[in-house]
Amino acid sequence: MTKQHANWSPYDNNGGSCVAIAGADYCVIAADTRMSTGYNILTRDYSKISQLAEKCVMASSGFQADVKALQKVLSARHLIYQHQHNKQMSCPAMAQLLSNTLYYKRFFPYYAFNVLGGLDNEGKGCVFTYDAVGSYERVGYSSQGSGSTLIMPSLDNQLKSPSPLLLPALDAVTPLSEAEAVDLVKSVFASATERDIYTGDKVEIVILNASGLRREYMDLRKD
């Protein structure tokens, strides 16, 4: 009888979907609150969104233990930055720090797929999208996670950004108002929940603008 080796992996995928949309003077970051493993739901009320700085929020899907570890590293690095510079880190600076942090672990990566959203130094909305090893790009909108293949075509249809190859370079921000962007996020999550078993229960929406940060919630189907 041949010996069977246990197929152990240091990683798991806890599913879930994240979306971020940048506007002229706002940024909307959203994620569902379901955390699963295989066909089991571990919890229906887990926030995938973390505020890294005053004007910078990260939403992460993938392996939530790695996401937690990543958030702790970024939080510690941001505290050091505040002591050294006596100010909060800007969103583009945090985007570079996140890229460096992920790339530093490229040989044993954080299994985390992140979207970073916030306001830049001019007060414009900005969204940065990442792979697991730190390659990133500034875009007008993005989606990560198990439902991203369902969400991204809808966002492309509604918000198609100008090609980065066009010269002169055009702004990546979306033409929608803040309320329209929130409504769009709600409808893409409602539709992704119908087809993706790892997305559901509730969507948490964070809206960042000049007056600060606020949260909205919307129930999704629970099956």
Protein backbone atom coordinates (compact mmCIF):
# COMPACT_ATOMS: atom_id res chain seq x y z
CA MET A 1 0.00 0.00 0.00
CA THR A 2 1.48 3.39 -1.05
CA LYS A 3 1.99 5.92 1.73
CA GLN A 4 -0.31 8.95 1.51
CA HIS A 5 1.27 12.30 2.36
CA ALA A 6 -0.87 14.91 4.07
CA ASN A 7 -1.41 17.77 1.65
CA TRP A 8 -0.97 20.63 4.12
CA SER A 9 -0.87 24.26 2.98
CA PRO A 10 0.09 27.35 4.98
CA TYR A 11 -2.58 29.26 3.04
CA ASP A 12 -6.36 29.32 2.84
CA ASN A 13 -8.69 31.49 0.80
CA ASN A 14 -11.46 33.02 2.91
CA GLY A 15 -13.24 34.53 -0.12
CA GLY A 16 -15.11 37.82 -0.24
CA SER A 17 -15.07 40.77 -2.62
CA CYS A 18 -13.71 44.32 -2.43
CA VAL A 19 -14.43 47.36 -4.63
CA ALA A 20 -13.02 50.89 -4.73
CA ILE A 21 -14.10 53.86 -6.88
CA ALA A 22 -12.30 57.23 -7.04
CA GLY A 23 -14.19 60.44 -7.79
CA ALA A 24 -13.22 64.08 -8.27
CA ASP A 25 -13.32 64.82 -4.53
CA TYR A 26 -14.27 61.50 -2.89
CA CYS A 27 -13.39 57.82 -2.72
CA VAL A 28 -15.76 54.90 -2.08
CA ILE A 29 -14.31 51.65 -0.71
CA ALA A 30 -16.56 48.65 -0.11
CA ALA A 31 -16.34 44.99 0.87
CA ASP A 32 -18.76 42.28 1.92
CA THR A 33 -18.66 40.90 5.48
CA ARG A 34 -18.77 37.12 4.82
CA MET A 35 -15.73 35.02 5.72
CA SER A 36 -15.71 31.42 4.46
CA THR A 37 -13.48 28.41 4.10
CA GLY A 38 -14.47 25.80 1.51
CA TYR A 39 -18.25 25.37 1.76
CA ASN A 40 -18.39 26.62 5.36
CA ILE A 41 -19.22 30.16 6.50
CA LEU A 42 -16.96 31.06 9.45
CA THR A 43 -18.67 34.37 10.22
CA ARG A 44 -21.22 36.65 8.55
CA ASP A 45 -19.97 39.86 10.17
CA TYR A 46 -16.24 40.28 9.46
CA SER A 47 -14.97 43.66 8.26
CA LYS A 48 -12.40 43.42 5.44
CA ILE A 49 -11.83 47.20 5.52
CA SER A 50 -9.05 48.82 7.55
CA GLN A 51 -8.30 52.53 7.96
CA LEU A 52 -4.53 52.89 7.60
CA ALA A 53 -4.32 56.70 7.81
CA GLU A 54 -6.60 59.72 8.06
CA LYS A 55 -7.26 59.76 4.29
CA CYS A 56 -6.38 56.19 3.37
CA VAL A 57 -8.41 52.97 3.62
CA MET A 58 -7.53 49.42 2.55
CA ALA A 59 -9.93 46.60 1.64
CA SER A 60 -8.45 43.09 1.44
CA SER A 61 -9.61 39.66 0.38
CA GLY A 62 -7.70 36.36 0.36
CA PHE A 63 -6.30 34.72 3.50
CA GLN A 64 -7.54 36.80 6.42
CA ALA A 65 -4.75 35.69 8.83
CA ASP A 66 -2.19 37.12 6.37
CA VAL A 67 -4.35 40.23 5.93
CA LYS A 68 -4.31 40.78 9.74
CA ALA A 69 -0.52 40.34 9.82
CA LEU A 70 -0.16 42.81 6.93
CA GLN A 71 -2.41 45.38 8.65
CA LYS A 72 -0.28 45.15 11.83
CA VAL A 73 2.96 45.72 9.89
CA LEU A 74 1.48 48.73 8.04
CA SER A 75 0.09 50.16 11.29
CA ALA A 76 3.52 49.89 12.98
CA ARG A 77 5.31 51.46 9.98
CA HIS A 78 2.76 54.30 9.91
CA LEU A 79 3.31 54.99 13.63
CA ILE A 80 7.09 55.21 13.04
CA TYR A 81 6.44 57.59 10.10
CA GLN A 82 4.23 59.82 12.30
CA HIS A 83 6.94 60.04 15.01
CA GLN A 84 9.62 60.89 12.43
CA HIS A 85 7.65 63.36 10.27
CA ASN A 86 5.03 64.66 12.70
CA LYS A 87 2.21 64.13 10.17
CA GLN A 88 -0.07 61.45 8.74
CA MET A 89 1.08 59.52 5.69
CA SER A 90 -0.58 60.53 2.40
CA CYS A 91 -2.49 57.94 0.39
CA PRO A 92 0.10 57.73 -2.48
CA ALA A 93 2.87 57.30 0.15
CA MET A 94 0.90 54.53 1.87
CA ALA A 95 0.37 52.91 -1.56
CA GLN A 96 4.16 52.76 -2.07
CA LEU A 97 4.68 51.44 1.47
CA LEU A 98 2.13 48.66 0.87
CA SER A 99 3.86 47.73 -2.39
CA ASN A 100 7.28 47.58 -0.67
CA THR A 101 5.86 45.54 2.25
CA LEU A 102 4.29 42.96 -0.11
CA TYR A 103 7.38 42.78 -2.35
CA TYR A 104 9.67 42.24 0.67
CA LYS A 105 7.72 39.00 1.35
CA ARG A 106 7.63 37.88 -2.31
CA PHE A 107 9.28 34.48 -1.66
CA PHE A 108 6.66 33.57 0.99
CA PRO A 109 3.93 36.11 0.11
CA TYR A 110 1.09 37.49 2.14
CA TYR A 111 -1.88 35.77 0.43
CA ALA A 112 -3.76 39.06 0.38
CA PHE A 113 -5.33 40.88 -2.57
CA ASN A 114 -5.73 44.54 -1.73
CA VAL A 115 -7.37 47.70 -3.01
CA LEU A 116 -6.26 50.94 -1.41
CA GLY A 117 -8.47 54.00 -1.65
CA GLY A 118 -8.34 57.54 -0.33
CA LEU A 119 -7.63 61.17 -1.17
CA ASP A 120 -4.32 62.38 -2.63
CA ASN A 121 -2.47 65.60 -1.73
CA GLU A 122 -4.76 67.64 -4.02
CA GLY A 123 -7.93 66.22 -2.42
CA LYS A 124 -8.78 64.07 -5.46
CA GLY A 125 -9.97 60.49 -5.05
CA CYS A 126 -7.34 57.83 -5.73
CA VAL A 127 -7.49 54.03 -5.98
CA PHE A 128 -4.52 51.66 -6.09
CA THR A 129 -4.90 48.00 -7.00
CA TYR A 130 -2.42 45.22 -6.10
CA ASP A 131 -1.42 41.64 -6.70
CA ALA A 132 -0.07 39.45 -3.87
CA VAL A 133 3.59 40.41 -4.43
CA GLY A 134 3.31 44.20 -4.55
CA SER A 135 2.83 45.09 -8.22
CA TYR A 136 0.45 48.06 -8.15
CA GLU A 137 -1.21 50.65 -10.35
CA ARG A 138 -3.21 53.83 -9.76
CA VAL A 139 -6.63 53.43 -11.38
CA GLY A 140 -10.06 55.09 -11.31
CA TYR A 141 -11.79 51.98 -9.96
CA SER A 142 -10.91 48.40 -9.09
CA SER A 143 -12.18 45.14 -7.62
CA GLN A 144 -10.42 42.24 -5.88
CA GLY A 145 -11.52 38.91 -4.44
CA SER A 146 -13.75 35.97 -5.31
CA GLY A 147 -16.46 38.13 -6.93
CA SER A 148 -14.08 40.41 -8.86
CA THR A 149 -14.59 38.51 -12.15
CA LEU A 150 -18.32 39.32 -11.87
CA ILE A 151 -17.97 42.89 -10.57
CA MET A 152 -15.24 44.20 -12.88
CA PRO A 153 -17.22 43.85 -16.15
CA SER A 154 -20.07 45.89 -14.62
CA LEU A 155 -17.66 48.62 -13.47
CA ASP A 156 -15.96 48.63 -16.90
CA ASN A 157 -19.34 49.05 -18.55
CA GLN A 158 -20.34 52.00 -16.33
CA LEU A 159 -16.99 53.73 -15.70
CA LYS A 160 -14.47 52.77 -18.41
CA SER A 161 -11.32 54.74 -17.61
CA PRO A 162 -9.25 56.35 -20.36
CA SER A 163 -6.35 54.18 -21.51
CA PRO A 164 -3.07 54.98 -19.66
CA LEU A 165 -1.38 54.80 -23.09
CA LEU A 166 -3.27 57.86 -24.39
CA LEU A 167 -1.28 61.09 -24.52
CA PRO A 168 -1.67 63.54 -22.96
CA ALA A 169 -2.56 61.45 -19.90
CA LEU A 170 -6.16 61.87 -18.75
CA ASP A 171 -7.48 61.77 -15.18
CA ALA A 172 -8.49 58.29 -13.99
CA VAL A 173 -11.25 59.64 -11.71
CA THR A 174 -14.81 58.58 -12.51
CA PRO A 175 -17.43 61.05 -13.75
CA LEU A 176 -20.07 59.95 -11.20
CA SER A 177 -21.24 61.95 -8.21
CA GLU A 178 -20.64 60.49 -4.74
CA ALA A 179 -24.25 59.29 -4.36
CA GLU A 180 -24.20 57.66 -7.83
CA ALA A 181 -20.95 55.85 -6.99
CA VAL A 182 -22.44 54.49 -3.74
CA ASP A 183 -25.54 53.30 -5.65
CA LEU A 184 -23.32 51.61 -8.26
CA VAL A 185 -21.35 49.81 -5.53
CA LYS A 186 -24.61 48.56 -3.98
CA SER A 187 -25.89 47.22 -7.31
CA VAL A 188 -22.63 45.44 -8.28
CA PHE A 189 -22.53 43.71 -4.88
CA ALA A 190 -26.21 42.73 -5.13
CA SER A 191 -25.52 41.15 -8.53
CA ALA A 192 -22.23 39.44 -7.49
CA THR A 193 -23.96 37.92 -4.45
CA GLU A 194 -26.40 36.11 -6.78
CA ARG A 195 -23.57 34.19 -8.49
CA ASP A 196 -20.67 33.98 -6.00
CA ILE A 197 -21.15 31.80 -2.90
CA TYR A 198 -18.26 33.53 -1.07
CA THR A 199 -19.83 37.00 -1.31
CA GLY A 200 -22.87 37.83 0.76
CA ASP A 201 -24.55 38.69 4.10
CA LYS A 202 -23.80 42.42 4.15
CA VAL A 203 -21.77 45.05 2.28
CA GLU A 204 -19.79 47.64 4.25
CA ILE A 205 -19.27 50.89 2.32
CA VAL A 206 -16.74 53.51 3.44
CA ILE A 207 -17.02 56.99 1.90
CA LEU A 208 -14.00 59.29 2.20
CA ASN A 209 -14.25 62.99 1.32
CA ALA A 210 -13.01 66.40 2.50
CA SER A 211 -15.36 66.34 5.50
CA GLY A 212 -14.03 62.99 6.73
CA LEU A 213 -15.05 59.33 6.70
CA ARG A 214 -18.48 57.75 7.00
CA ARG A 215 -19.82 54.20 6.76
CA GLU A 216 -22.95 52.72 5.21
CA TYR A 217 -24.22 49.15 5.31
CA MET A 218 -26.58 47.23 3.06
CA ASP A 219 -27.89 43.70 3.63
CA LEU A 220 -27.16 41.07 0.95
CA ARG A 221 -28.66 37.60 0.61
CA LYS A 222 -27.63 35.20 3.36
CA ASP A 223 -27.62 31.86 1.51
